[in-house]
C-alpha atoms as a PDB file:
ATOM      1  CA  THR A   1      12.965 -29.819  21.789  1.00  0.00           C
ATOM      2  CA  CYS A   2      15.085 -28.943  18.811  1.00  0.00           C
ATOM      3  CA  PRO A   3      13.524 -26.383  16.492  1.00  0.00           C
ATOM      4  CA  HIS A   4      12.258 -27.895  13.248  1.00  0.00           C
ATOM      5  CA  SER A   5      13.330 -26.085  10.078  1.00  0.00           C
ATOM      6  CA  ALA A   6       9.655 -25.695   9.114  1.00  0.00           C
ATOM      7  CA  THR A   7       9.085 -23.455  12.155  1.00  0.00           C
ATOM      8  CA  SER A   8      12.340 -21.463  12.130  1.00  0.00           C
ATOM      9  CA  ASN A   9      11.038 -18.534  10.012  1.00  0.00           C
ATOM     10  CA  ARG A  10       9.229 -16.229  12.454  1.00  0.00           C
ATOM     11  CA  ASN A  11       8.959 -13.197  10.179  1.00  0.00           C
ATOM     12  CA  CYS A  12       6.173 -14.432   7.943  1.00  0.00           C
ATOM     13  CA  HIS A  13       2.899 -12.588   7.266  1.00  0.00           C
ATOM     14  CA  ALA A  14       0.355 -13.055   4.465  1.00  0.00           C
ATOM     15  CA  SER A  15      -0.789  -9.562   3.521  1.00  0.00           C
ATOM     16  CA  GLY A  16      -4.372 -10.657   2.776  1.00  0.00           C
ATOM     17  CA  SER A  17      -5.133 -12.248   6.173  1.00  0.00           C
ATOM     18  CA  MET A  18      -7.375  -9.437   7.448  1.00  0.00           C
ATOM     19  CA  LYS A  19      -9.218  -9.141   4.132  1.00  0.00           C
ATOM     20  CA  TYR A  20      -9.913 -12.894   3.968  1.00  0.00           C
ATOM     21  CA  VAL A  21     -11.209 -13.166   7.544  1.00  0.00           C
ATOM     22  CA  ASN A  22     -13.239  -9.975   7.198  1.00  0.00           C
ATOM     23  CA  GLU A  23     -14.877 -11.279   4.006  1.00  0.00           C
ATOM     24  CA  MET A  24     -15.681 -14.589   5.705  1.00  0.00           C
ATOM     25  CA  CYS A  25     -16.770 -13.198   9.079  1.00  0.00           C
ATOM     26  CA  GLY A  26     -17.291  -9.441   9.211  1.00  0.00           C
ATOM     27  CA  GLY A  27     -20.774  -8.533  10.421  1.00  0.00           C
ATOM     28  CA  LYS A  28     -21.830 -12.164  10.860  1.00  0.00           C
ATOM     29  CA  ASN A  29     -22.854 -13.932  14.052  1.00  0.00           C
ATOM     30  CA  LYS A  30     -20.610 -16.912  13.268  1.00  0.00           C
ATOM     31  CA  CYS A  31     -18.307 -18.103  10.508  1.00  0.00           C
ATOM     32  CA  THR A  32     -15.608 -20.623   9.681  1.00  0.00           C
ATOM     33  CA  VAL A  33     -12.073 -19.780   8.568  1.00  0.00           C
ATOM     34  CA  ARG A  34      -9.400 -22.063   7.137  1.00  0.00           C
ATOM     35  CA  ALA A  35      -5.629 -21.819   7.559  1.00  0.00           C
ATOM     36  CA  ASP A  36      -4.581 -22.719   4.031  1.00  0.00           C
ATOM     37  CA  HIS A  37      -1.874 -21.315   1.756  1.00  0.00           C
ATOM     38  CA  LYS A  38      -4.108 -22.032  -1.248  1.00  0.00           C
ATOM     39  CA  ILE A  39      -6.539 -19.430   0.111  1.00  0.00           C
ATOM     40  CA  LEU A  40      -4.198 -16.998   1.862  1.00  0.00           C
ATOM     41  CA  GLY A  41      -1.110 -17.307  -0.347  1.00  0.00           C
ATOM     42  CA  ASP A  42       2.273 -18.622   0.674  1.00  0.00           C
ATOM     43  CA  PRO A  43       4.293 -15.777   2.214  1.00  0.00           C
ATOM     44  CA  CYS A  44       7.123 -18.099   3.265  1.00  0.00           C
ATOM     45  CA  GLY A  45       7.408 -21.378   1.370  1.00  0.00           C
ATOM     46  CA  GLY A  46       8.546 -24.348   3.413  1.00  0.00           C
ATOM     47  CA  THR A  47       7.306 -22.821   6.687  1.00  0.00           C
ATOM     48  CA  TYR A  48       4.475 -24.469   8.639  1.00  0.00           C
ATOM     49  CA  LYS A  49       2.062 -21.591   9.177  1.00  0.00           C
ATOM     50  CA  TYR A  50      -1.006 -20.828  11.299  1.00  0.00           C
ATOM     51  CA  LEU A  51      -3.896 -18.369  11.234  1.00  0.00           C
ATOM     52  CA  GLU A  52      -4.351 -16.310  14.376  1.00  0.00           C
ATOM     53  CA  VAL A  53      -7.539 -14.247  14.615  1.00  0.00           C
ATOM     54  CA  THR A  54      -8.493 -11.750  17.302  1.00  0.00           C
ATOM     55  CA  TYR A  55     -12.090 -10.545  17.270  1.00  0.00           C
ATOM     56  CA  GLY A  56     -14.772  -9.077  19.447  1.00  0.00           C
ATOM     57  CA  CYS A  57     -18.524  -9.303  19.411  1.00  0.00           C
ATOM     58  CA  VAL A  58     -20.374  -6.028  18.905  1.00  0.00           C
ATOM     59  CA  LEU A  59     -22.539  -5.311  21.973  1.00  0.00           C
ATOM     60  CA  SER A  60     -20.145  -7.461  23.984  1.00  0.00           C
ATOM     61  CA  VAL A  61     -17.186  -6.314  26.085  1.00  0.00           C
ATOM     62  CA  MET A  62     -15.442  -9.633  25.631  1.00  0.00           C
ATOM     63  CA  SER A  63     -12.599 -10.117  23.141  1.00  0.00           C
ATOM     64  CA  ARG A  64     -11.970 -13.575  21.730  1.00  0.00           C
ATOM     65  CA  SER A  65      -9.105 -15.211  19.930  1.00  0.00           C
ATOM     66  CA  THR A  66      -8.639 -18.335  17.816  1.00  0.00           C
ATOM     67  CA  LEU A  67      -5.545 -20.050  16.510  1.00  0.00           C
ATOM     68  CA  THR A  68      -5.722 -22.561  13.675  1.00  0.00           C
ATOM     69  CA  CYS A  69      -2.750 -24.638  12.555  1.00  0.00           C
ATOM     70  CA  GLU A  70      -2.073 -24.980   8.827  1.00  0.00           C
ATOM     71  CA  GLY A  71      -4.697 -27.084   7.071  1.00  0.00           C
ATOM     72  CA  GLY A  72      -7.187 -26.734   9.929  1.00  0.00           C
ATOM     73  CA  THR A  73     -10.459 -24.863  10.215  1.00  0.00           C
ATOM     74  CA  ASP A  74     -11.928 -22.916  13.099  1.00  0.00           C
ATOM     75  CA  ALA A  75     -15.312 -21.413  13.890  1.00  0.00           C
ATOM     76  CA  LEU A  76     -15.693 -17.849  15.114  1.00  0.00           C
ATOM     77  CA  GLU A  77     -18.946 -17.299  16.950  1.00  0.00           C
ATOM     78  CA  CYS A  78     -20.666 -14.606  18.992  1.00  0.00           C
ATOM     79  CA  PRO A  79     -23.642 -14.852  21.306  1.00  0.00           C
ATOM     80  CA  PRO A  80     -27.086 -14.468  19.710  1.00  0.00           C
ATOM     81  CA  GLY A  81     -27.789 -10.856  18.760  1.00  0.00           C
ATOM     82  CA  HIS A  82     -24.083  -9.984  18.472  1.00  0.00           C
ATOM     83  CA  VAL A  83     -21.925  -9.833  15.344  1.00  0.00           C
ATOM     84  CA  ILE A  84     -18.223 -10.392  14.742  1.00  0.00           C
ATOM     85  CA  ASP A  85     -16.004  -7.309  14.903  1.00  0.00           C
ATOM     86  CA  LEU A  86     -12.627  -8.330  13.470  1.00  0.00           C
ATOM     87  CA  GLN A  87      -9.657  -6.808  15.295  1.00  0.00           C
ATOM     88  CA  ASP A  88      -6.679  -8.660  13.815  1.00  0.00           C
ATOM     89  CA  ALA A  89      -5.798 -11.651  11.637  1.00  0.00           C
ATOM     90  CA  LEU A  90      -2.362 -13.038  10.838  1.00  0.00           C
ATOM     91  CA  TYR A  91      -1.575 -16.026   8.653  1.00  0.00           C
ATOM     92  CA  GLY A  92       2.072 -16.979   8.805  1.00  0.00           C
ATOM     93  CA  ARG A  93       4.465 -17.526  11.695  1.00  0.00           C
ATOM     94  CA  VAL A  94       5.789 -15.181  14.371  1.00  0.00           C
ATOM     95  CA  ASP A  95       6.284 -17.711  17.193  1.00  0.00           C
ATOM     96  CA  ARG A  96       8.318 -20.918  16.939  1.00  0.00           C
ATOM     97  CA  ASP A  97       6.352 -22.721  19.665  1.00  0.00           C
ATOM     98  CA  VAL A  98       2.844 -22.146  18.256  1.00  0.00           C
ATOM     99  CA  CYS A  99       1.557 -25.023  16.106  1.00  0.00           C
ATOM    100  CA  PRO A 100       4.681 -27.202  16.149  1.00  0.00           C
ATOM    101  CA  HIS A 101       5.331 -28.962  12.855  1.00  0.00           C
ATOM    102  CA  PRO A 102       3.816 -32.486  12.790  1.00  0.00           C
ATOM    103  CA  ALA A 103       7.279 -33.934  12.158  1.00  0.00           C
ATOM    104  CA  ILE A 104       8.464 -32.729  15.576  1.00  0.00           C
ATOM    105  CA  HIS A 105       8.350 -35.440  18.213  1.00  0.00           C
ATOM    106  CA  THR A 106       8.810 -34.713  21.898  1.00  0.00           C
ATOM    107  CA  ASP A 107       9.595 -37.207  24.611  1.00  0.00           C
ATOM    108  CA  THR A 108       7.576 -36.972  27.798  1.00  0.00           C
END
């Protein structure tokens, strides 16, 4: 596949990603986050971004991860009696192959 220009910038990070996800999810049993430049800002205009969240559940040894393409939403959830412990959140692009731009077509 040829790289699409909307995924070529892989040095893109919204500085408020952790703050946003922590406000939405920190200390809760479950929450929903949205990958949206209107919420998180636009650190690299013209680049198709995604929100990647790594979190654990307090009282749980398991670490979980979600990845939401631009415009999408995702639910973070822990087992009953556990709460979300945010470890990392990045909105932007650091990998060309994650969330390919919708304009990219591949032949199978």
